[in-house]
């Protein structure tokens, strides 16, 4: 039973650190560092480096910068784009170091799993912020940023103190992401398409729709499938899809 509980605790800490790093890497390092240095958390030996005063000072400084940058519309998206190259490898490294003194193969496996979790969490955060930034008011940015910060502190506390409950909620989070991410990406594609229209680049999209319309000898089903693929990819809104579909059907019926 003790070995089972220890395994659950290690998995919970590994996934918790990776998940939190995708939301706010510096907050995650601060929680682990402060908890370990105060004796409130018994960190694995390979992870005890986060207790070093220099590491905590650097994490605290960057957390302060991110605290403000993450709440400015537009700047938060740029910050997230930059941190694509920071959060994911750092999350993988932290996850690999949570498994303790094990074989290099298990450490590598933990790093791969942790990096994957960090990447999808980061993708969800960054995608959500792009959509939120379509609103001119800053309140939603503040609310999202503060909620993410609180989620990091609360999530890591839960992973350390109630690992089984955290893992159950973590699985629910992953299932939600599987459903949500495609919708977020389609929404972002539509935003960029609108930007292209404002910049006078919508002509290319009109030509692409025209190409989807059946030429002589081309079956209507194939054309409709192409339009549907464009809609699923976010290139067409539902209204634009219905108009283009009606055009295809009308041409075929002539």
Protein backbone atom coordinates (compact mmCIF):
# COMPACT_ATOMS: atom_id res chain seq x y z
CA UNK A 1 0.00 0.00 0.00
CA UNK A 2 2.83 2.39 0.83
CA UNK A 3 4.45 1.75 -2.55
CA UNK A 4 1.12 2.40 -4.28
CA UNK A 5 0.66 5.70 -2.45
CA UNK A 6 4.22 6.71 -3.24
CA UNK A 7 3.66 5.95 -6.93
CA UNK A 8 0.46 8.01 -6.97
CA UNK A 9 2.28 10.90 -5.25
CA UNK A 10 5.12 10.84 -7.78
CA UNK A 11 2.76 10.75 -10.76
CA UNK A 12 0.68 13.54 -9.24
CA UNK A 13 3.74 15.73 -8.65
CA UNK A 14 5.09 15.04 -12.14
CA UNK A 15 1.84 15.91 -13.89
CA UNK A 16 1.14 18.80 -11.50
CA UNK A 17 4.49 20.44 -12.17
CA UNK A 18 4.12 19.98 -15.94
CA UNK A 19 0.55 21.32 -15.94
CA UNK A 20 1.42 24.34 -13.79
CA UNK A 21 4.46 25.17 -15.93
CA UNK A 22 2.20 25.57 -18.96
CA UNK A 23 0.17 28.22 -17.13
CA UNK A 24 2.87 30.08 -15.22
CA UNK A 25 6.33 28.54 -15.08
CA UNK A 26 7.77 31.06 -12.62
CA UNK A 27 4.89 30.69 -10.17
CA UNK A 28 5.34 26.90 -10.27
CA UNK A 29 9.08 27.20 -9.50
CA UNK A 30 8.36 29.65 -6.67
CA UNK A 31 5.78 27.35 -5.06
CA UNK A 32 8.16 24.40 -5.17
CA UNK A 33 11.17 26.44 -4.05
CA UNK A 34 9.45 28.16 -1.14
CA UNK A 35 7.72 24.96 -0.07
CA UNK A 36 10.94 22.96 -0.19
CA UNK A 37 13.12 25.53 1.55
CA UNK A 38 10.57 26.01 4.35
CA UNK A 39 10.27 22.27 4.94
CA UNK A 40 6.64 22.14 3.89
CA UNK A 41 7.43 20.00 0.83
CA UNK A 42 9.80 17.06 0.66
CA UNK A 43 11.15 17.47 -2.87
CA UNK A 44 13.03 14.74 -4.75
CA UNK A 45 16.78 15.23 -4.71
CA UNK A 46 16.98 16.14 -8.39
CA UNK A 47 14.33 18.82 -7.91
CA UNK A 48 15.84 20.45 -4.85
CA UNK A 49 17.72 22.88 -7.08
CA UNK A 50 14.58 25.05 -7.11
CA UNK A 51 15.21 25.70 -3.38
CA UNK A 52 18.44 27.51 -4.21
CA UNK A 53 18.12 31.24 -3.29
CA UNK A 54 19.46 32.28 -6.70
CA UNK A 55 16.82 30.20 -8.50
CA UNK A 56 14.01 31.52 -6.28
CA UNK A 57 15.23 35.11 -6.74
CA UNK A 58 15.27 34.73 -10.53
CA UNK A 59 11.85 33.04 -10.52
CA UNK A 60 10.43 35.75 -8.25
CA UNK A 61 11.76 38.50 -10.52
CA UNK A 62 10.33 36.89 -13.65
CA UNK A 63 7.04 36.16 -11.89
CA UNK A 64 6.77 39.88 -11.08
CA UNK A 65 7.38 40.78 -14.73
CA UNK A 66 4.89 38.20 -15.97
CA UNK A 67 2.31 39.28 -13.40
CA UNK A 68 1.99 42.64 -15.17
CA UNK A 69 2.78 41.58 -18.77
CA UNK A 70 0.13 38.86 -18.58
CA UNK A 71 -2.60 41.40 -17.85
CA UNK A 72 -2.03 43.79 -20.77
CA UNK A 73 -4.12 42.94 -23.87
CA UNK A 74 -1.87 42.15 -26.80
CA UNK A 75 1.28 42.08 -24.72
CA UNK A 76 0.08 38.88 -23.05
CA UNK A 77 -0.15 37.15 -26.44
CA UNK A 78 3.37 38.26 -27.34
CA UNK A 79 4.59 37.04 -23.96
CA UNK A 80 2.92 33.66 -24.51
CA UNK A 81 4.46 33.37 -27.98
CA UNK A 82 7.93 34.01 -26.55
CA UNK A 83 7.38 31.53 -23.73
CA UNK A 84 6.51 28.74 -26.14
CA UNK A 85 10.28 28.22 -26.25
CA UNK A 86 10.67 28.50 -22.46
CA UNK A 87 7.71 26.88 -20.71
CA UNK A 88 7.65 23.62 -22.66
CA UNK A 89 11.33 22.61 -22.26
CA UNK A 90 11.36 23.86 -18.65
CA UNK A 91 8.19 21.92 -17.87
CA UNK A 92 9.72 18.78 -19.38
CA UNK A 93 12.91 19.27 -17.33
CA UNK A 94 11.01 19.81 -14.07
CA UNK A 95 8.83 16.77 -14.73
CA UNK A 96 11.88 14.60 -15.42
CA UNK A 97 13.41 15.66 -12.11
CA UNK A 98 10.33 14.83 -10.03
CA UNK A 99 10.65 11.07 -10.36
CA UNK A 100 13.65 10.85 -8.04
CA UNK A 101 16.53 8.41 -8.29
CA UNK A 102 15.34 6.14 -11.11
CA UNK A 103 16.76 4.83 -14.37
CA UNK A 104 17.54 7.33 -17.17
CA UNK A 105 14.82 5.69 -19.26
CA UNK A 106 12.14 6.49 -16.66
CA UNK A 107 13.45 10.03 -16.33
CA UNK A 108 13.26 10.46 -20.09
CA UNK A 109 9.72 9.04 -20.12
CA UNK A 110 8.69 11.48 -17.39
CA UNK A 111 10.26 14.35 -19.35
CA UNK A 112 8.42 13.38 -22.55
CA UNK A 113 5.08 13.07 -20.75
CA UNK A 114 5.68 16.27 -18.81
CA UNK A 115 6.67 18.22 -21.91
CA UNK A 116 3.52 17.05 -23.68
CA UNK A 117 1.31 18.12 -20.78
CA UNK A 118 3.05 21.50 -20.58
CA UNK A 119 2.65 22.04 -24.33
CA UNK A 120 -1.11 21.40 -24.38
CA UNK A 121 -1.66 23.51 -21.26
CA UNK A 122 0.39 26.33 -22.78
CA UNK A 123 -1.51 25.98 -26.08
CA UNK A 124 -4.85 26.25 -24.26
CA UNK A 125 -3.69 29.32 -22.31
CA UNK A 126 -2.23 31.08 -25.36
CA UNK A 127 -5.23 30.27 -27.60
CA UNK A 128 -7.70 31.48 -25.00
CA UNK A 129 -5.81 34.75 -24.65
CA UNK A 130 -5.93 35.39 -28.40
CA UNK A 131 -9.72 35.07 -28.32
CA UNK A 132 -10.02 37.17 -25.17
CA UNK A 133 -7.99 39.94 -26.81
CA UNK A 134 -10.74 40.43 -29.39
CA UNK A 135 -12.63 42.20 -26.60
CA UNK A 136 -11.48 45.83 -26.20
CA UNK A 137 -11.85 45.94 -22.41
CA UNK A 138 -8.99 44.70 -20.19
CA UNK A 139 -11.14 43.21 -17.40
CA UNK A 140 -11.34 39.76 -19.01
CA UNK A 141 -7.53 39.70 -19.35
CA UNK A 142 -7.11 40.53 -15.66
CA UNK A 143 -9.68 37.91 -14.65
CA UNK A 144 -8.07 35.22 -16.82
CA UNK A 145 -4.55 36.02 -15.60
CA UNK A 146 -5.48 36.08 -11.92
CA UNK A 147 -7.46 32.86 -12.32
CA UNK A 148 -4.44 31.18 -13.90
CA UNK A 149 -2.15 32.33 -11.08
CA UNK A 150 -4.57 31.04 -8.46
CA UNK A 151 -4.95 27.78 -10.38
CA UNK A 152 -1.18 27.22 -10.27
CA UNK A 153 -0.99 27.70 -6.50
CA UNK A 154 -4.16 25.71 -5.83
CA UNK A 155 -3.33 22.96 -8.31
CA UNK A 156 0.15 22.35 -6.94
CA UNK A 157 -1.17 22.35 -3.37
CA UNK A 158 -3.74 19.75 -4.40
CA UNK A 159 -1.13 17.66 -6.25
CA UNK A 160 1.08 17.59 -3.15
CA UNK A 161 -1.57 17.09 -0.49
CA UNK A 162 -4.35 15.16 -2.27
CA UNK A 163 -2.63 13.45 -5.21
CA UNK A 164 -5.44 11.07 -6.11
CA UNK A 165 -8.02 13.86 -6.28
CA UNK A 166 -5.63 15.94 -8.37
CA UNK A 167 -5.15 13.09 -10.85
CA UNK A 168 -8.91 12.65 -11.24
CA UNK A 169 -9.33 16.36 -11.94
CA UNK A 170 -6.30 16.25 -14.23
CA UNK A 171 -7.93 13.56 -16.38
CA UNK A 172 -11.09 15.68 -16.56
CA UNK A 173 -8.92 18.64 -17.62
CA UNK A 174 -7.33 16.60 -20.44
CA UNK A 175 -10.74 15.42 -21.69
CA UNK A 176 -11.96 19.01 -21.67
CA UNK A 177 -8.90 20.10 -23.65
CA UNK A 178 -9.52 17.42 -26.28
CA UNK A 179 -12.96 18.92 -26.81
CA UNK A 180 -11.94 22.58 -26.45
CA UNK A 181 -8.66 22.99 -28.36
CA UNK A 182 -10.08 22.37 -31.87
CA UNK A 183 -12.77 24.97 -31.20
CA UNK A 184 -10.17 27.47 -29.98
CA UNK A 185 -7.99 26.92 -33.03
CA UNK A 186 -10.94 27.36 -35.40
CA UNK A 187 -11.80 30.60 -33.61
CA UNK A 188 -8.23 31.84 -33.96
CA UNK A 189 -8.20 30.93 -37.67
CA UNK A 190 -11.31 33.03 -38.15
CA UNK A 191 -9.71 35.96 -36.33
CA UNK A 192 -6.69 35.86 -38.61
CA UNK A 193 -8.99 35.59 -41.60
CA UNK A 194 -10.81 38.74 -40.49
CA UNK A 195 -7.47 40.48 -40.10
CA UNK A 196 -6.65 39.41 -43.65
CA UNK A 197 -9.91 40.95 -44.84
CA UNK A 198 -9.07 44.23 -43.12
CA UNK A 199 -5.67 44.18 -44.84
CA UNK A 200 -7.28 43.54 -48.22
CA UNK A 201 -6.13 39.93 -48.44
CA UNK A 202 -9.62 38.39 -48.66
CA UNK A 203 -9.34 38.03 -52.43
CA UNK A 204 -7.32 34.85 -52.00
CA UNK A 205 -10.08 33.33 -49.90
CA UNK A 206 -12.68 34.19 -52.53
CA UNK A 207 -10.54 32.44 -55.14
CA UNK A 208 -10.25 29.39 -52.85
CA UNK A 209 -14.03 29.26 -52.49
CA UNK A 210 -14.38 29.56 -56.24
CA UNK A 211 -11.99 26.65 -56.70
CA UNK A 212 -14.23 24.57 -54.46
CA UNK A 213 -17.22 25.14 -56.72
CA UNK A 214 -17.67 22.25 -59.14
CA UNK A 215 -16.26 22.70 -62.59
CA UNK A 216 -17.49 20.74 -65.56
CA UNK A 217 -17.51 17.06 -64.74
CA UNK A 218 -16.68 17.54 -61.05
CA UNK A 219 -19.09 15.99 -58.61
CA UNK A 220 -21.02 18.21 -56.25
CA UNK A 221 -20.22 15.95 -53.29
CA UNK A 222 -16.50 16.55 -53.66
CA UNK A 223 -17.01 20.30 -53.79
CA UNK A 224 -19.18 20.26 -50.70
CA UNK A 225 -16.62 18.16 -48.86
CA UNK A 226 -13.93 20.70 -49.70
CA UNK A 227 -16.09 23.55 -48.42
CA UNK A 228 -16.82 21.59 -45.25
CA UNK A 229 -13.09 21.03 -44.72
CA UNK A 230 -12.52 24.78 -45.06
CA UNK A 231 -15.25 25.42 -42.49
CA UNK A 232 -13.75 22.93 -40.04
CA UNK A 233 -10.32 24.50 -40.46
CA UNK A 234 -11.77 27.90 -39.59
CA UNK A 235 -11.29 29.35 -43.08
CA UNK A 236 -15.05 29.82 -43.45
CA UNK A 237 -17.62 30.92 -40.93
CA UNK A 238 -20.86 28.97 -40.73
CA UNK A 239 -22.70 31.72 -42.66
CA UNK A 240 -20.05 31.81 -45.38
CA UNK A 241 -20.15 28.03 -45.64
CA UNK A 242 -23.93 28.02 -46.08
CA UNK A 243 -23.74 30.70 -48.81
CA UNK A 244 -20.99 28.87 -50.68
CA UNK A 245 -22.86 25.58 -50.35
CA UNK A 246 -26.02 27.15 -51.76
CA UNK A 247 -24.00 28.48 -54.69
CA UNK A 248 -22.60 25.00 -55.41
CA UNK A 249 -26.03 23.38 -55.24
CA UNK A 250 -27.60 26.04 -57.45
CA UNK A 251 -24.90 25.63 -60.08
CA UNK A 252 -25.32 21.86 -60.07
CA UNK A 253 -29.11 22.11 -60.46
CA UNK A 254 -28.85 24.29 -63.57
